[in-house]
Amino acid sequence: MVPDFDLFFLFRRLLVIFAMTYALVKLGSLIGRAVRFMRSRKTKVVLLRDYVYAQLAEMRPARFLPDVLHLAGLVVILAGVLYLHWR
């Protein structure tokens, strides 16, 4: 008996792999450019860097806890739906 071969399934999987690879490369490039930019010694960049550091120091993680829990719940629901779909 010959197993079924679905060309569209293969296409979708390859498309996902290529798209994720492209997105990760572009994101890494963006982060690298931002880090190089923030290392600059120009006065305006130094002021911007200090402002970013001050904002990060004042950020309170407890403010974002409800949003993080909400997202975690949605991820659990999505995982459950995908599990039931592929079962």
C-alpha atoms as a PDB file:
ATOM      1  CA  MET A   1       0.000   0.000   0.000  1.00  0.00           C
ATOM      2  CA  VAL A   2       1.402   3.397  -1.040  1.00  0.00           C
ATOM      3  CA  PRO A   3       1.189   6.175   1.581  1.00  0.00           C
ATOM      4  CA  ASP A   4      -0.685   9.306   0.545  1.00  0.00           C
ATOM      5  CA  PHE A   5       1.586  12.151  -0.473  1.00  0.00           C
ATOM      6  CA  ASP A   6       0.097  15.615  -0.168  1.00  0.00           C
ATOM      7  CA  LEU A   7       2.070  18.170  -2.131  1.00  0.00           C
ATOM      8  CA  PHE A   8       0.128  21.083  -0.625  1.00  0.00           C
ATOM      9  CA  PHE A   9       1.004  19.918   2.911  1.00  0.00           C
ATOM     10  CA  LEU A  10       4.694  19.872   1.951  1.00  0.00           C
ATOM     11  CA  PHE A  11       4.372  23.336   0.396  1.00  0.00           C
ATOM     12  CA  ARG A  12       2.761  24.748   3.541  1.00  0.00           C
ATOM     13  CA  ARG A  13       5.463  23.281   5.779  1.00  0.00           C
ATOM     14  CA  LEU A  14       8.281  24.610   3.605  1.00  0.00           C
ATOM     15  CA  LEU A  15       6.602  28.012   3.418  1.00  0.00           C
ATOM     16  CA  VAL A  16       6.367  28.164   7.213  1.00  0.00           C
ATOM     17  CA  ILE A  17      10.026  27.187   7.580  1.00  0.00           C
ATOM     18  CA  PHE A  18      11.189  29.815   5.085  1.00  0.00           C
ATOM     19  CA  ALA A  19       8.931  32.531   6.515  1.00  0.00           C
ATOM     20  CA  MET A  20      10.054  31.884  10.095  1.00  0.00           C
ATOM     21  CA  THR A  21      13.706  31.822   9.068  1.00  0.00           C
ATOM     22  CA  TYR A  22      13.306  35.101   7.195  1.00  0.00           C
ATOM     23  CA  ALA A  23      11.501  36.721  10.132  1.00  0.00           C
ATOM     24  CA  LEU A  24      14.177  35.599  12.599  1.00  0.00           C
ATOM     25  CA  VAL A  25      16.991  36.884  10.379  1.00  0.00           C
ATOM     26  CA  LYS A  26      15.262  40.251   9.913  1.00  0.00           C
ATOM     27  CA  LEU A  27      14.532  40.531  13.648  1.00  0.00           C
ATOM     28  CA  GLY A  28      18.151  39.722  14.492  1.00  0.00           C
ATOM     29  CA  SER A  29      19.327  42.323  12.005  1.00  0.00           C
ATOM     30  CA  LEU A  30      17.001  44.941  13.493  1.00  0.00           C
ATOM     31  CA  ILE A  31      18.160  44.216  17.032  1.00  0.00           C
ATOM     32  CA  GLY A  32      21.801  44.356  15.927  1.00  0.00           C
ATOM     33  CA  ARG A  33      21.305  47.726  14.231  1.00  0.00           C
ATOM     34  CA  ALA A  34      19.500  49.090  17.305  1.00  0.00           C
ATOM     35  CA  VAL A  35      22.311  47.938  19.611  1.00  0.00           C
ATOM     36  CA  ARG A  36      24.965  49.468  17.339  1.00  0.00           C
ATOM     37  CA  PHE A  37      22.975  52.703  17.174  1.00  0.00           C
ATOM     38  CA  MET A  38      22.599  52.916  20.950  1.00  0.00           C
ATOM     39  CA  ARG A  39      26.369  52.430  21.435  1.00  0.00           C
ATOM     40  CA  SER A  40      27.063  55.652  19.566  1.00  0.00           C
ATOM     41  CA  ARG A  41      28.817  58.522  21.362  1.00  0.00           C
ATOM     42  CA  LYS A  42      26.733  61.288  19.786  1.00  0.00           C
ATOM     43  CA  THR A  43      25.057  63.589  22.301  1.00  0.00           C
ATOM     44  CA  LYS A  44      21.516  62.981  21.117  1.00  0.00           C
ATOM     45  CA  VAL A  45      21.993  59.217  21.111  1.00  0.00           C
ATOM     46  CA  VAL A  46      23.468  59.338  24.623  1.00  0.00           C
ATOM     47  CA  LEU A  47      20.415  61.289  25.807  1.00  0.00           C
ATOM     48  CA  LEU A  48      18.093  58.799  24.107  1.00  0.00           C
ATOM     49  CA  ARG A  49      19.977  55.864  25.656  1.00  0.00           C
ATOM     50  CA  ASP A  50      19.780  57.420  29.118  1.00  0.00           C
ATOM     51  CA  TYR A  51      16.053  58.034  28.631  1.00  0.00           C
ATOM     52  CA  VAL A  52      15.486  54.412  27.615  1.00  0.00           C
ATOM     53  CA  TYR A  53      17.455  53.186  30.649  1.00  0.00           C
ATOM     54  CA  ALA A  54      15.427  55.456  32.949  1.00  0.00           C
ATOM     55  CA  GLN A  55      12.152  54.192  31.490  1.00  0.00           C
ATOM     56  CA  LEU A  56      13.247  50.576  31.907  1.00  0.00           C
ATOM     57  CA  ALA A  57      14.282  51.253  35.506  1.00  0.00           C
ATOM     58  CA  GLU A  58      10.866  52.735  36.337  1.00  0.00           C
ATOM     59  CA  MET A  59       8.879  49.963  34.675  1.00  0.00           C
ATOM     60  CA  ARG A  60       6.894  47.871  37.120  1.00  0.00           C
ATOM     61  CA  PRO A  61       6.416  44.230  36.058  1.00  0.00           C
ATOM     62  CA  ALA A  62       3.365  43.885  38.336  1.00  0.00           C
ATOM     63  CA  ARG A  63       1.455  46.238  36.042  1.00  0.00           C
ATOM     64  CA  PHE A  64       1.807  43.781  33.179  1.00  0.00           C
ATOM     65  CA  LEU A  65       1.001  40.647  35.158  1.00  0.00           C
ATOM     66  CA  PRO A  66      -2.728  40.582  34.234  1.00  0.00           C
ATOM     67  CA  ASP A  67      -1.858  40.934  30.541  1.00  0.00           C
ATOM     68  CA  VAL A  68       0.776  38.204  30.771  1.00  0.00           C
ATOM     69  CA  LEU A  69      -1.687  35.879  32.501  1.00  0.00           C
ATOM     70  CA  HIS A  70      -4.317  36.640  29.864  1.00  0.00           C
ATOM     71  CA  LEU A  71      -1.867  35.826  27.080  1.00  0.00           C
ATOM     72  CA  ALA A  72      -0.796  32.631  28.847  1.00  0.00           C
ATOM     73  CA  GLY A  73      -4.440  31.574  29.101  1.00  0.00           C
ATOM     74  CA  LEU A  74      -4.985  32.236  25.406  1.00  0.00           C
ATOM     75  CA  VAL A  75      -1.895  30.190  24.541  1.00  0.00           C
ATOM     76  CA  VAL A  76      -3.193  27.295  26.658  1.00  0.00           C
ATOM     77  CA  ILE A  77      -6.580  27.485  24.918  1.00  0.00           C
ATOM     78  CA  LEU A  78      -4.896  27.582  21.508  1.00  0.00           C
ATOM     79  CA  ALA A  79      -2.754  24.572  22.422  1.00  0.00           C
ATOM     80  CA  GLY A  80      -5.893  22.704  23.527  1.00  0.00           C
ATOM     81  CA  VAL A  81      -7.731  23.525  20.309  1.00  0.00           C
ATOM     82  CA  LEU A  82      -4.741  22.443  18.198  1.00  0.00           C
ATOM     83  CA  TYR A  83      -4.428  19.239  20.201  1.00  0.00           C
ATOM     84  CA  LEU A  84      -8.102  18.416  19.683  1.00  0.00           C
ATOM     85  CA  HIS A  85      -7.845  19.309  16.004  1.00  0.00           C
ATOM     86  CA  TRP A  86      -4.869  17.029  15.324  1.00  0.00           C
ATOM     87  CA  ARG A  87      -6.095  14.217  17.547  1.00  0.00           C
END
